[in-house]
Amino acid sequence: MSLLLLLAASLLSCSPSDDEQGGQKVSRNDYGNNWPLTVESGTLDCEGSDGIGEATITADGTTYALNGLAKQNPDNADVRPIWADDPELGQGLKKDIGVLIDDALELCD
């Protein structure tokens, strides 16, 4: 009986991983040349409703702000360190990150 209680307590104390909390897994393969990040994949999420909210992507255990609302939350990291340069534009200009923002905002219910 005590083993059963220990197992139940262990299961209740586990917090869900990012993937279990919701969101949408995305990767370079999904977006091809339009993938705007230097990481290979992440999980998009949105905290809000009706298509308005904090658009974020979690990659390698860090949640990055994709839009202005998400940047206001101090728990979200700045996306610039993983935001890829656009070699076609040159001079350190970045790839269009709007595709990820749009897809994340679709997750706001």
Protein backbone atom coordinates (compact mmCIF):
# COMPACT_ATOMS: atom_id res chain seq x y z
CA MET A 1 0.00 0.00 0.00
CA SER A 2 2.78 2.49 0.85
CA LEU A 3 4.38 1.90 -2.57
CA LEU A 4 1.09 2.87 -4.21
CA LEU A 5 0.91 6.07 -2.14
CA LEU A 6 4.52 6.92 -2.98
CA LEU A 7 3.83 6.44 -6.68
CA ALA A 8 0.68 8.59 -6.51
CA ALA A 9 2.54 11.37 -4.66
CA SER A 10 5.33 11.23 -7.19
CA LEU A 11 2.93 11.59 -10.11
CA LEU A 12 1.11 14.51 -8.50
CA SER A 13 4.34 16.40 -7.82
CA CYS A 14 5.55 16.17 -11.43
CA SER A 15 5.04 19.32 -13.44
CA PRO A 16 4.20 18.95 -17.11
CA SER A 17 6.89 19.62 -19.69
CA ASP A 18 6.55 22.46 -22.22
CA ASP A 19 5.16 20.05 -24.78
CA GLU A 20 2.52 18.75 -22.36
CA GLN A 21 1.40 22.27 -21.39
CA GLY A 22 0.10 22.98 -24.85
CA GLY A 23 1.37 25.00 -27.72
CA GLN A 24 2.39 23.92 -31.18
CA LYS A 25 5.69 22.28 -32.04
CA VAL A 26 7.38 23.94 -35.01
CA SER A 27 10.69 23.40 -36.77
CA ARG A 28 12.91 24.51 -39.60
CA ASN A 29 11.38 21.68 -41.67
CA ASP A 30 7.91 23.25 -41.31
CA TYR A 31 8.96 26.65 -42.65
CA GLY A 32 11.86 25.86 -44.98
CA ASN A 33 13.76 29.00 -46.03
CA ASN A 34 11.26 31.15 -44.12
CA TRP A 35 12.44 29.75 -40.75
CA PRO A 36 13.61 32.92 -38.97
CA LEU A 37 15.56 31.38 -36.08
CA THR A 38 19.01 29.89 -35.51
CA VAL A 39 17.59 27.03 -33.40
CA GLU A 40 16.15 23.99 -35.20
CA SER A 41 12.79 23.84 -33.44
CA GLY A 42 10.60 25.12 -30.64
CA THR A 43 7.09 25.27 -29.25
CA LEU A 44 4.88 28.23 -30.13
CA ASP A 45 2.36 29.44 -27.59
CA CYS A 46 0.06 32.35 -26.92
CA GLU A 47 -1.26 33.66 -23.63
CA GLY A 48 -4.42 35.59 -24.42
CA SER A 49 -7.70 35.29 -26.29
CA ASP A 50 -9.33 36.04 -29.63
CA GLY A 51 -6.00 36.18 -31.46
CA ILE A 52 -4.54 38.80 -29.12
CA GLY A 53 -1.90 38.03 -26.53
CA GLU A 54 1.69 37.18 -25.68
CA ALA A 55 3.18 35.28 -28.62
CA THR A 56 6.15 33.17 -27.49
CA ILE A 57 8.38 30.34 -28.61
CA THR A 58 10.12 27.99 -26.21
CA ALA A 59 13.39 26.52 -27.44
CA ASP A 60 16.02 24.64 -25.46
CA GLY A 61 14.18 25.36 -22.20
CA THR A 62 13.95 29.15 -22.68
CA THR A 63 10.75 31.02 -23.54
CA TYR A 64 11.35 33.89 -25.95
CA ALA A 65 9.05 36.86 -26.61
CA LEU A 66 7.92 37.14 -30.22
CA ASN A 67 5.72 40.23 -29.99
CA GLY A 68 5.38 43.43 -27.98
CA LEU A 69 2.95 42.03 -25.42
CA ALA A 70 5.28 39.12 -24.70
CA LYS A 71 8.26 41.49 -24.36
CA GLN A 72 6.47 43.23 -21.47
CA ASN A 73 6.56 39.98 -19.47
CA PRO A 74 9.90 39.78 -17.63
CA ASP A 75 9.69 35.97 -17.63
CA ASN A 76 10.20 35.95 -21.43
CA ALA A 77 13.69 36.24 -22.88
CA ASP A 78 14.61 38.54 -25.77
CA VAL A 79 14.38 36.61 -29.07
CA ARG A 80 17.27 38.49 -30.71
CA PRO A 81 19.99 35.98 -29.69
CA ILE A 82 18.22 33.23 -31.70
CA TRP A 83 16.80 35.45 -34.47
CA ALA A 84 18.60 34.68 -37.74
CA ASP A 85 20.18 37.30 -39.99
CA ASP A 86 18.75 37.51 -43.50
CA PRO A 87 21.67 37.00 -45.90
CA GLU A 88 19.66 38.49 -48.76
CA LEU A 89 19.15 41.79 -46.91
CA GLY A 90 22.67 42.02 -45.49
CA GLN A 91 23.99 44.50 -42.93
CA GLY A 92 22.74 42.50 -39.93
CA LEU A 93 19.07 42.75 -40.88
CA LYS A 94 16.90 39.90 -39.61
CA LYS A 95 14.60 37.40 -41.29
CA ASP A 96 10.87 38.05 -41.14
CA ILE A 97 9.66 36.70 -37.79
CA GLY A 98 6.03 37.56 -38.60
CA VAL A 99 5.28 34.01 -39.72
CA LEU A 100 5.93 32.74 -36.20
CA ILE A 101 4.01 35.59 -34.58
CA ASP A 102 0.98 34.93 -36.80
CA ASP A 103 1.04 31.20 -36.07
CA ALA A 104 1.45 31.79 -32.33
CA LEU A 105 -1.44 34.29 -32.22
CA GLU A 106 -3.70 31.68 -33.83
CA LEU A 107 -3.20 29.68 -30.61
CA CYS A 108 -4.78 32.44 -28.46
CA ASP A 109 -8.19 31.08 -27.49
